[in-house]
Protein backbone atom coordinates (compact mmCIF):
# COMPACT_ATOMS: atom_id res chain seq x y z
CA UNK A 1 39.00 -14.40 -11.82
CA UNK A 2 38.14 -12.66 -8.57
CA UNK A 3 34.85 -12.59 -6.74
CA UNK A 4 34.58 -8.86 -7.52
CA UNK A 5 34.93 -9.57 -11.23
CA UNK A 6 32.21 -12.19 -11.13
CA UNK A 7 29.70 -10.15 -9.15
CA UNK A 8 30.25 -6.72 -10.68
CA UNK A 9 28.12 -7.52 -13.78
CA UNK A 10 25.44 -9.07 -11.57
CA UNK A 11 25.27 -5.99 -9.37
CA UNK A 12 25.13 -3.69 -12.39
CA UNK A 13 22.39 -5.83 -13.92
CA UNK A 14 20.39 -5.82 -10.70
CA UNK A 15 20.71 -2.05 -10.43
CA UNK A 16 19.51 -1.60 -14.02
CA UNK A 17 16.58 -3.96 -13.36
CA UNK A 18 15.65 -2.01 -10.22
CA UNK A 19 15.74 1.27 -12.14
CA UNK A 20 13.73 -0.17 -15.01
CA UNK A 21 11.05 -1.69 -12.81
CA UNK A 22 10.98 1.11 -10.23
CA UNK A 23 9.08 3.45 -12.51
CA UNK A 24 6.60 0.73 -13.44
CA UNK A 25 6.02 -0.03 -9.78
CA UNK A 26 5.59 3.65 -8.97
CA UNK A 27 2.94 3.92 -11.70
CA UNK A 28 0.92 1.29 -9.85
CA UNK A 29 0.68 3.46 -6.75
CA UNK A 30 -2.46 5.49 -6.15
CA UNK A 31 -1.95 8.77 -4.30
CA UNK A 32 -4.78 10.67 -2.59
CA UNK A 33 -4.13 14.07 -1.01
CA UNK A 34 -5.72 14.87 2.34
CA UNK A 35 -6.22 18.30 3.92
CA UNK A 36 -5.90 16.72 7.39
CA UNK A 37 -2.83 15.77 9.40
CA UNK A 38 -1.43 12.26 9.07
CA UNK A 39 -2.92 11.21 12.40
CA UNK A 40 -6.33 12.75 11.62
CA UNK A 41 -6.35 11.19 8.16
CA UNK A 42 -5.45 7.77 9.53
CA UNK A 43 -8.19 8.14 12.19
CA UNK A 44 -10.68 9.10 9.48
CA UNK A 45 -9.59 6.16 7.32
CA UNK A 46 -10.04 3.75 10.25
CA UNK A 47 -13.52 5.18 10.88
CA UNK A 48 -14.43 4.83 7.19
CA UNK A 49 -13.17 1.23 7.07
CA UNK A 50 -15.06 0.26 10.22
CA UNK A 51 -18.15 2.12 9.01
CA UNK A 52 -18.05 0.04 5.83
CA UNK A 53 -18.05 -3.16 7.87
CA UNK A 54 -14.43 -4.09 7.21
CA UNK A 55 -11.89 -5.01 9.87
CA UNK A 56 -8.82 -3.09 11.00
CA UNK A 57 -6.01 -5.61 11.46
CA UNK A 58 -3.19 -3.25 12.39
CA UNK A 59 -2.09 0.36 12.45
CA UNK A 60 1.65 0.89 12.20
CA UNK A 61 3.21 4.20 13.25
CA UNK A 62 6.56 4.29 11.47
CA UNK A 63 7.48 7.69 12.94
CA UNK A 64 7.00 6.33 16.48
CA UNK A 65 9.13 3.33 15.52
CA UNK A 66 11.89 5.60 14.26
CA UNK A 67 11.67 7.70 17.42
CA UNK A 68 12.06 4.54 19.54
CA UNK A 69 15.53 4.07 18.05
CA UNK A 70 16.54 7.72 18.30
CA UNK A 71 15.71 8.64 14.71
CA UNK A 72 13.21 11.07 13.25
CA UNK A 73 11.10 10.79 10.13
CA UNK A 74 8.01 12.73 9.08
CA UNK A 75 4.64 11.45 10.29
CA UNK A 76 4.04 8.10 8.59
CA UNK A 77 1.34 5.55 9.44
CA UNK A 78 0.09 2.45 7.66
CA UNK A 79 -3.46 1.22 8.16
CA UNK A 80 -3.89 -2.50 7.39
CA UNK A 81 -7.46 -3.64 6.87
CA UNK A 82 -9.75 -5.89 4.96
CA UNK A 83 -12.95 -7.80 4.61
CA UNK A 84 -12.30 -11.54 4.91
CA UNK A 85 -15.54 -12.30 3.05
CA UNK A 86 -14.13 -10.39 0.07
CA UNK A 87 -10.41 -11.13 0.28
CA UNK A 88 -10.96 -14.85 0.68
CA UNK A 89 -12.45 -14.94 -2.81
CA UNK A 90 -9.27 -13.46 -4.28
CA UNK A 91 -7.05 -15.85 -2.31
CA UNK A 92 -9.23 -18.80 -3.35
CA UNK A 93 -8.77 -17.90 -7.03
CA UNK A 94 -5.09 -16.93 -6.67
CA UNK A 95 -3.46 -18.22 -3.45
CA UNK A 96 -0.52 -15.83 -3.87
CA UNK A 97 -2.87 -12.91 -3.18
CA UNK A 98 -2.36 -13.81 0.47
CA UNK A 99 1.02 -12.07 0.19
CA UNK A 100 -0.70 -8.77 -0.60
CA UNK A 101 -3.81 -8.99 1.53
CA UNK A 102 -5.08 -7.52 3.74
CA UNK A 103 -5.07 -4.14 2.04
CA UNK A 104 -2.70 -1.41 3.20
CA UNK A 105 -2.88 2.36 2.94
CA UNK A 106 0.11 4.45 3.95
CA UNK A 107 -0.65 7.92 5.28
CA UNK A 108 2.45 10.08 5.13
CA UNK A 109 3.61 13.67 5.48
CA UNK A 110 5.41 14.64 2.29
CA UNK A 111 6.91 18.05 2.92
CA UNK A 112 3.96 19.31 4.92
CA UNK A 113 1.29 17.73 2.71
CA UNK A 114 -0.59 14.63 3.84
CA UNK A 115 -0.90 11.91 1.21
CA UNK A 116 -2.51 8.46 1.30
CA UNK A 117 -0.72 5.91 -0.87
CA UNK A 118 -1.77 2.40 -1.84
CA UNK A 119 -1.09 -0.19 -4.52
CA UNK A 120 -3.70 -0.28 -7.28
CA UNK A 121 -5.56 -3.58 -6.82
CA UNK A 122 -5.45 -4.31 -10.55
CA UNK A 123 -1.64 -4.22 -10.56
CA UNK A 124 -1.46 -6.46 -7.49
CA UNK A 125 -3.94 -8.85 -9.10
CA UNK A 126 -1.87 -8.99 -12.28
CA UNK A 127 1.15 -10.04 -10.22
CA UNK A 128 -0.87 -13.06 -9.10
CA UNK A 129 -2.54 -13.91 -12.39
CA UNK A 130 -5.94 -12.39 -11.68
CA UNK A 131 -7.59 -10.19 -14.28
CA UNK A 132 -8.22 -6.53 -13.50
CA UNK A 133 -11.93 -7.19 -14.07
CA UNK A 134 -12.07 -10.01 -11.52
CA UNK A 135 -15.13 -9.20 -9.36
CA UNK A 136 -13.11 -9.06 -6.12
CA UNK A 137 -10.51 -6.74 -7.66
CA UNK A 138 -13.21 -4.44 -9.03
CA UNK A 139 -14.82 -4.30 -5.58
CA UNK A 140 -11.47 -3.65 -3.85
CA UNK A 141 -10.68 -0.86 -6.31
CA UNK A 142 -14.00 0.84 -5.66
CA UNK A 143 -13.73 0.36 -1.90
CA UNK A 144 -10.23 1.84 -1.71
CA UNK A 145 -11.35 4.84 -3.75
CA UNK A 146 -14.38 5.46 -1.54
CA UNK A 147 -12.55 4.88 1.74
CA UNK A 148 -9.66 7.21 0.92
CA UNK A 149 -12.03 9.84 -0.46
CA UNK A 150 -13.98 9.68 2.79
CA UNK A 151 -10.79 10.04 4.85
CA UNK A 152 -9.76 13.07 2.78
CA UNK A 153 -13.15 14.79 2.77
CA UNK A 154 -13.37 18.23 4.35
């Protein structure tokens, strides 16, 4: 038996698993359209987050990163933020939540349209054994909805 023979079924199985779970994972993404450019939308999101009393931890410009290695991708930024007073409660109840906090919103140009994308807090919570109606998850869900709506407002 060759190595190829042994691993071929494993690779096929992994590919089938990825296809099967990919659509479920995509269903857990929330998408919010914005009439503003990626940069303007990210600026507006940062302002909304700070205005709500939360903290910006990082802003990643993937397009600038691609450009730094001689590649080009459409405008693509990720804003990473949170409220330690809130997130700590989720991590206290489910330590694995630390893998998915602070919150992240990607702001991306999809064919000329700006879209904000984030993981639904309830789906992230489920991955860590927290109920969708956990008070922290409910608050995060509402906050993400309000913050992205504010960033997308005309």
